Amino acid sequence: MVGKYKVITLCGSTKFKDDFIREQKRLSLEGNIVISVGLFGHSGDNEVWNENVKEMLDDMHKRKIDMADEIFVINKNGYIGQSTKSEIDYAKSHNKIVKYMEPLHQ
């Protein structure tokens, strides 16, 4: 192994697919292991909306957060939806570092 790599799970609305891809690339080039979403339901991956699939993917994403040292929130234009809020709360309750693509507006 060359070094210790931080593990970062990406969180955010799947309507921001291009931002997910760009941030995954940037964070990887910075020497991080990046875990992303499996499907982009709001960007055309319609399988997400099949019975029980979204529930499974949401649960799976929490397991991805469990594996991470921190999460990186794709909050384009300040948008954070309910699922992402739930993931942020979950990460914080498990003592994960939470970073954001854009500054939070209070």
N, C-alpha and C. Protein backbone atom coordinates (compact mmCIF):
# COMPACT_ATOMS: atom_id res chain seq x y z
N MET A 1 0.84 -1.18 0.00
CA MET A 1 0.00 0.00 0.00
C MET A 1 0.89 1.24 0.00
N VAL A 2 0.51 2.20 -0.80
CA VAL A 2 1.29 3.42 -0.94
C VAL A 2 1.07 4.35 0.24
N GLY A 3 -0.14 4.44 0.73
CA GLY A 3 -0.43 5.34 1.83
C GLY A 3 -1.78 5.03 2.43
N LYS A 4 -2.11 5.80 3.48
CA LYS A 4 -3.43 5.64 4.08
C LYS A 4 -4.38 6.57 3.34
N TYR A 5 -5.41 6.00 2.81
CA TYR A 5 -6.38 6.77 2.04
C TYR A 5 -7.64 7.00 2.85
N LYS A 6 -8.09 8.24 2.87
CA LYS A 6 -9.35 8.56 3.52
C LYS A 6 -10.48 8.04 2.65
N VAL A 7 -11.54 7.52 3.29
CA VAL A 7 -12.71 7.02 2.56
C VAL A 7 -13.82 8.07 2.70
N ILE A 8 -14.34 8.52 1.58
CA ILE A 8 -15.37 9.56 1.55
C ILE A 8 -16.58 9.04 0.79
N THR A 9 -17.75 9.14 1.42
CA THR A 9 -19.00 8.78 0.75
C THR A 9 -19.70 10.05 0.28
N LEU A 10 -20.07 10.07 -1.00
CA LEU A 10 -20.80 11.21 -1.56
C LEU A 10 -22.28 11.08 -1.24
N CYS A 11 -22.89 12.20 -0.86
CA CYS A 11 -24.32 12.26 -0.57
C CYS A 11 -24.91 13.47 -1.29
N GLY A 12 -26.17 13.38 -1.65
CA GLY A 12 -26.84 14.50 -2.30
C GLY A 12 -27.91 14.00 -3.25
N SER A 13 -28.63 14.95 -3.82
CA SER A 13 -29.68 14.59 -4.76
C SER A 13 -29.07 14.02 -6.04
N THR A 14 -29.66 12.92 -6.51
CA THR A 14 -29.16 12.29 -7.73
C THR A 14 -29.49 13.10 -8.98
N LYS A 15 -30.21 14.22 -8.82
CA LYS A 15 -30.42 15.08 -9.99
C LYS A 15 -29.14 15.83 -10.34
N PHE A 16 -28.15 15.79 -9.45
CA PHE A 16 -26.88 16.47 -9.69
C PHE A 16 -25.80 15.48 -10.15
N LYS A 17 -26.16 14.62 -11.09
CA LYS A 17 -25.26 13.56 -11.57
C LYS A 17 -23.91 14.10 -12.02
N ASP A 18 -23.90 15.16 -12.81
CA ASP A 18 -22.63 15.71 -13.31
C ASP A 18 -21.74 16.18 -12.17
N ASP A 19 -22.34 16.74 -11.12
CA ASP A 19 -21.57 17.19 -9.95
C ASP A 19 -21.00 16.00 -9.19
N PHE A 20 -21.79 14.92 -9.07
CA PHE A 20 -21.28 13.71 -8.43
C PHE A 20 -20.04 13.21 -9.16
N ILE A 21 -20.13 13.13 -10.47
CA ILE A 21 -19.02 12.61 -11.27
C ILE A 21 -17.80 13.51 -11.15
N ARG A 22 -18.00 14.83 -11.23
CA ARG A 22 -16.89 15.78 -11.13
C ARG A 22 -16.23 15.70 -9.75
N GLU A 23 -17.03 15.68 -8.68
CA GLU A 23 -16.47 15.64 -7.33
C GLU A 23 -15.80 14.30 -7.04
N GLN A 24 -16.36 13.22 -7.57
CA GLN A 24 -15.72 11.90 -7.40
C GLN A 24 -14.33 11.91 -8.03
N LYS A 25 -14.22 12.48 -9.20
CA LYS A 25 -12.93 12.56 -9.88
C LYS A 25 -11.96 13.43 -9.09
N ARG A 26 -12.41 14.61 -8.66
CA ARG A 26 -11.55 15.53 -7.93
C ARG A 26 -11.04 14.89 -6.63
N LEU A 27 -11.97 14.33 -5.86
CA LEU A 27 -11.60 13.72 -4.58
C LEU A 27 -10.68 12.51 -4.77
N SER A 28 -10.91 11.74 -5.83
CA SER A 28 -10.04 10.59 -6.12
C SER A 28 -8.63 11.06 -6.46
N LEU A 29 -8.53 12.10 -7.28
CA LEU A 29 -7.21 12.62 -7.65
C LEU A 29 -6.47 13.23 -6.46
N GLU A 30 -7.22 13.62 -5.44
CA GLU A 30 -6.61 14.13 -4.20
C GLU A 30 -6.14 13.00 -3.29
N GLY A 31 -6.38 11.74 -3.71
CA GLY A 31 -5.89 10.60 -2.94
C GLY A 31 -6.89 10.00 -1.97
N ASN A 32 -8.17 10.15 -2.27
CA ASN A 32 -9.22 9.58 -1.43
C ASN A 32 -9.88 8.39 -2.12
N ILE A 33 -10.39 7.48 -1.32
CA ILE A 33 -11.26 6.42 -1.83
C ILE A 33 -12.67 6.99 -1.77
N VAL A 34 -13.35 7.03 -2.91
CA VAL A 34 -14.65 7.68 -2.98
C VAL A 34 -15.74 6.63 -3.24
N ILE A 35 -16.77 6.66 -2.39
CA ILE A 35 -17.93 5.79 -2.54
C ILE A 35 -19.09 6.68 -2.98
N SER A 36 -19.75 6.29 -4.05
CA SER A 36 -20.83 7.12 -4.58
C SER A 36 -22.15 6.35 -4.57
N VAL A 37 -23.16 6.95 -5.16
CA VAL A 37 -24.46 6.30 -5.28
C VAL A 37 -24.39 5.21 -6.35
N GLY A 38 -25.29 4.25 -6.26
CA GLY A 38 -25.31 3.17 -7.24
C GLY A 38 -26.10 3.52 -8.48
N LEU A 39 -27.15 4.31 -8.30
CA LEU A 39 -28.01 4.71 -9.42
C LEU A 39 -28.38 6.18 -9.25
N PHE A 40 -28.71 6.81 -10.36
CA PHE A 40 -29.11 8.21 -10.36
C PHE A 40 -30.59 8.29 -10.73
N GLY A 41 -31.45 8.06 -9.74
CA GLY A 41 -32.90 8.01 -9.97
C GLY A 41 -33.48 9.27 -10.55
N HIS A 42 -32.95 10.43 -10.14
CA HIS A 42 -33.47 11.69 -10.65
C HIS A 42 -32.77 12.12 -11.94
N SER A 43 -31.91 11.24 -12.47
CA SER A 43 -31.22 11.54 -13.72
C SER A 43 -31.40 10.42 -14.73
N GLY A 44 -32.49 9.66 -14.60
CA GLY A 44 -32.82 8.70 -15.64
C GLY A 44 -32.74 7.23 -15.29
N ASP A 45 -32.17 6.87 -14.14
CA ASP A 45 -32.12 5.46 -13.76
C ASP A 45 -33.46 5.08 -13.13
N ASN A 46 -34.42 4.76 -13.96
CA ASN A 46 -35.79 4.53 -13.51
C ASN A 46 -35.99 3.29 -12.66
N GLU A 47 -35.01 2.38 -12.64
CA GLU A 47 -35.11 1.18 -11.80
C GLU A 47 -35.27 1.55 -10.33
N VAL A 48 -34.77 2.74 -9.94
CA VAL A 48 -34.87 3.19 -8.56
C VAL A 48 -36.31 3.19 -8.08
N TRP A 49 -37.23 3.48 -8.98
CA TRP A 49 -38.63 3.65 -8.59
C TRP A 49 -39.42 2.35 -8.57
N ASN A 50 -38.76 1.21 -8.87
CA ASN A 50 -39.42 -0.09 -8.76
C ASN A 50 -39.66 -0.41 -7.28
N GLU A 51 -40.64 -1.27 -7.03
CA GLU A 51 -41.04 -1.60 -5.66
C GLU A 51 -39.85 -2.03 -4.81
N ASN A 52 -39.70 -1.41 -3.65
CA ASN A 52 -38.69 -1.72 -2.64
C ASN A 52 -37.26 -1.32 -3.02
N VAL A 53 -37.02 -0.85 -4.24
CA VAL A 53 -35.65 -0.56 -4.66
C VAL A 53 -35.11 0.68 -3.97
N LYS A 54 -35.88 1.77 -3.94
CA LYS A 54 -35.39 2.99 -3.29
C LYS A 54 -35.10 2.75 -1.82
N GLU A 55 -35.98 2.04 -1.15
CA GLU A 55 -35.77 1.72 0.26
C GLU A 55 -34.46 0.95 0.45
N MET A 56 -34.21 -0.04 -0.41
CA MET A 56 -32.98 -0.83 -0.34
C MET A 56 -31.77 0.06 -0.59
N LEU A 57 -31.84 0.92 -1.63
CA LEU A 57 -30.70 1.79 -1.95
C LEU A 57 -30.43 2.79 -0.84
N ASP A 58 -31.48 3.32 -0.22
CA ASP A 58 -31.30 4.25 0.90
C ASP A 58 -30.60 3.56 2.07
N ASP A 59 -31.01 2.33 2.38
CA ASP A 59 -30.37 1.57 3.45
C ASP A 59 -28.93 1.25 3.09
N MET A 60 -28.70 0.87 1.84
CA MET A 60 -27.37 0.56 1.37
C MET A 60 -26.45 1.78 1.49
N HIS A 61 -27.02 2.97 1.22
CA HIS A 61 -26.21 4.18 1.29
C HIS A 61 -25.77 4.46 2.74
N LYS A 62 -26.62 4.10 3.69
CA LYS A 62 -26.21 4.25 5.10
C LYS A 62 -25.05 3.29 5.42
N ARG A 63 -25.04 2.11 4.82
CA ARG A 63 -23.91 1.20 5.02
C ARG A 63 -22.65 1.80 4.40
N LYS A 64 -22.80 2.51 3.27
CA LYS A 64 -21.66 3.18 2.65
C LYS A 64 -21.13 4.28 3.57
N ILE A 65 -22.02 4.96 4.26
CA ILE A 65 -21.61 5.98 5.24
C ILE A 65 -20.86 5.30 6.39
N ASP A 66 -21.33 4.13 6.82
CA ASP A 66 -20.65 3.38 7.88
C ASP A 66 -19.20 3.09 7.50
N MET A 67 -18.94 2.81 6.24
CA MET A 67 -17.59 2.47 5.77
C MET A 67 -16.67 3.68 5.63
N ALA A 68 -17.26 4.88 5.64
CA ALA A 68 -16.50 6.09 5.34
C ALA A 68 -15.92 6.76 6.58
N ASP A 69 -14.86 7.54 6.34
CA ASP A 69 -14.32 8.41 7.37
C ASP A 69 -15.13 9.71 7.43
N GLU A 70 -15.66 10.10 6.29
CA GLU A 70 -16.45 11.33 6.21
C GLU A 70 -17.41 11.25 5.03
N ILE A 71 -18.36 12.20 5.02
CA ILE A 71 -19.24 12.31 3.85
C ILE A 71 -19.00 13.67 3.21
N PHE A 72 -19.26 13.71 1.91
CA PHE A 72 -19.15 14.95 1.14
C PHE A 72 -20.51 15.17 0.49
N VAL A 73 -21.14 16.28 0.86
CA VAL A 73 -22.51 16.56 0.42
C VAL A 73 -22.50 17.41 -0.85
N ILE A 74 -23.15 16.89 -1.89
CA ILE A 74 -23.36 17.64 -3.13
C ILE A 74 -24.59 18.50 -2.90
N ASN A 75 -24.39 19.75 -2.53
CA ASN A 75 -25.49 20.65 -2.20
C ASN A 75 -25.54 21.82 -3.19
N LYS A 76 -25.67 21.48 -4.46
CA LYS A 76 -25.68 22.49 -5.52
C LYS A 76 -26.79 23.52 -5.28
N ASN A 77 -26.42 24.79 -5.41
CA ASN A 77 -27.35 25.90 -5.18
C ASN A 77 -27.99 25.84 -3.80
N GLY A 78 -27.29 25.21 -2.84
CA GLY A 78 -27.78 25.11 -1.48
C GLY A 78 -28.83 24.04 -1.25
N TYR A 79 -29.14 23.25 -2.29
CA TYR A 79 -30.23 22.27 -2.17
C TYR A 79 -29.79 21.04 -1.38
N ILE A 80 -30.56 20.74 -0.33
CA ILE A 80 -30.40 19.50 0.43
C ILE A 80 -31.81 18.95 0.66
N GLY A 81 -32.11 17.83 0.01
CA GLY A 81 -33.43 17.21 0.14
C GLY A 81 -33.55 16.37 1.40
N GLN A 82 -34.74 15.81 1.58
CA GLN A 82 -35.03 15.03 2.80
C GLN A 82 -34.12 13.82 2.95
N SER A 83 -33.89 13.07 1.86
CA SER A 83 -33.02 11.89 1.95
C SER A 83 -31.61 12.29 2.36
N THR A 84 -31.12 13.37 1.77
CA THR A 84 -29.77 13.83 2.09
C THR A 84 -29.70 14.33 3.53
N LYS A 85 -30.74 15.05 3.98
CA LYS A 85 -30.77 15.48 5.39
C LYS A 85 -30.69 14.27 6.32
N SER A 86 -31.41 13.22 5.97
CA SER A 86 -31.37 12.00 6.76
C SER A 86 -29.97 11.40 6.79
N GLU A 87 -29.28 11.42 5.66
CA GLU A 87 -27.92 10.88 5.59
C GLU A 87 -26.95 11.74 6.41
N ILE A 88 -27.12 13.06 6.36
CA ILE A 88 -26.27 13.96 7.15
C ILE A 88 -26.47 13.68 8.64
N ASP A 89 -27.73 13.58 9.06
CA ASP A 89 -28.04 13.28 10.46
C ASP A 89 -27.44 11.94 10.88
N TYR A 90 -27.56 10.95 9.99
CA TYR A 90 -27.01 9.63 10.27
C TYR A 90 -25.49 9.71 10.43
N ALA A 91 -24.84 10.41 9.51
CA ALA A 91 -23.38 10.54 9.56
C ALA A 91 -22.94 11.24 10.86
N LYS A 92 -23.61 12.32 11.19
CA LYS A 92 -23.25 13.06 12.42
C LYS A 92 -23.46 12.19 13.65
N SER A 93 -24.54 11.41 13.67
CA SER A 93 -24.82 10.57 14.84
C SER A 93 -23.81 9.43 14.98
N HIS A 94 -23.06 9.17 13.89
CA HIS A 94 -22.02 8.14 13.92
C HIS A 94 -20.62 8.78 13.87
N ASN A 95 -20.55 10.05 14.28
CA ASN A 95 -19.28 10.77 14.42
C ASN A 95 -18.46 10.85 13.14
N LYS A 96 -19.15 10.98 12.01
CA LYS A 96 -18.46 11.15 10.73
C LYS A 96 -18.29 12.65 10.47
N ILE A 97 -17.21 13.01 9.82
CA ILE A 97 -16.99 14.39 9.38
C ILE A 97 -17.94 14.65 8.22
N VAL A 98 -18.54 15.83 8.18
CA VAL A 98 -19.46 16.21 7.10
C VAL A 98 -18.90 17.46 6.42
N LYS A 99 -18.64 17.35 5.13
CA LYS A 99 -18.17 18.49 4.33
C LYS A 99 -19.17 18.74 3.21
N TYR A 100 -19.16 19.96 2.70
CA TYR A 100 -20.14 20.36 1.70
C TYR A 100 -19.46 20.93 0.46
N MET A 101 -20.08 20.70 -0.69
CA MET A 101 -19.57 21.23 -1.95
C MET A 101 -19.66 22.76 -1.95
N GLU A 102 -20.77 23.29 -1.46
CA GLU A 102 -20.98 24.73 -1.39
C GLU A 102 -21.18 25.13 0.07
N PRO A 103 -20.77 26.33 0.43
CA PRO A 103 -20.97 26.78 1.82
C PRO A 103 -22.45 26.76 2.19
N LEU A 104 -22.72 26.43 3.44
CA LEU A 104 -24.10 26.43 3.93
C LEU A 104 -24.52 27.86 4.20
N HIS A 105 -25.74 28.20 3.80
CA HIS A 105 -26.28 29.52 4.06
C HIS A 105 -27.20 29.42 5.26
N GLN A 106 -26.84 30.09 6.31
CA GLN A 106 -27.60 29.99 7.56
C GLN A 106 -28.69 31.04 7.62
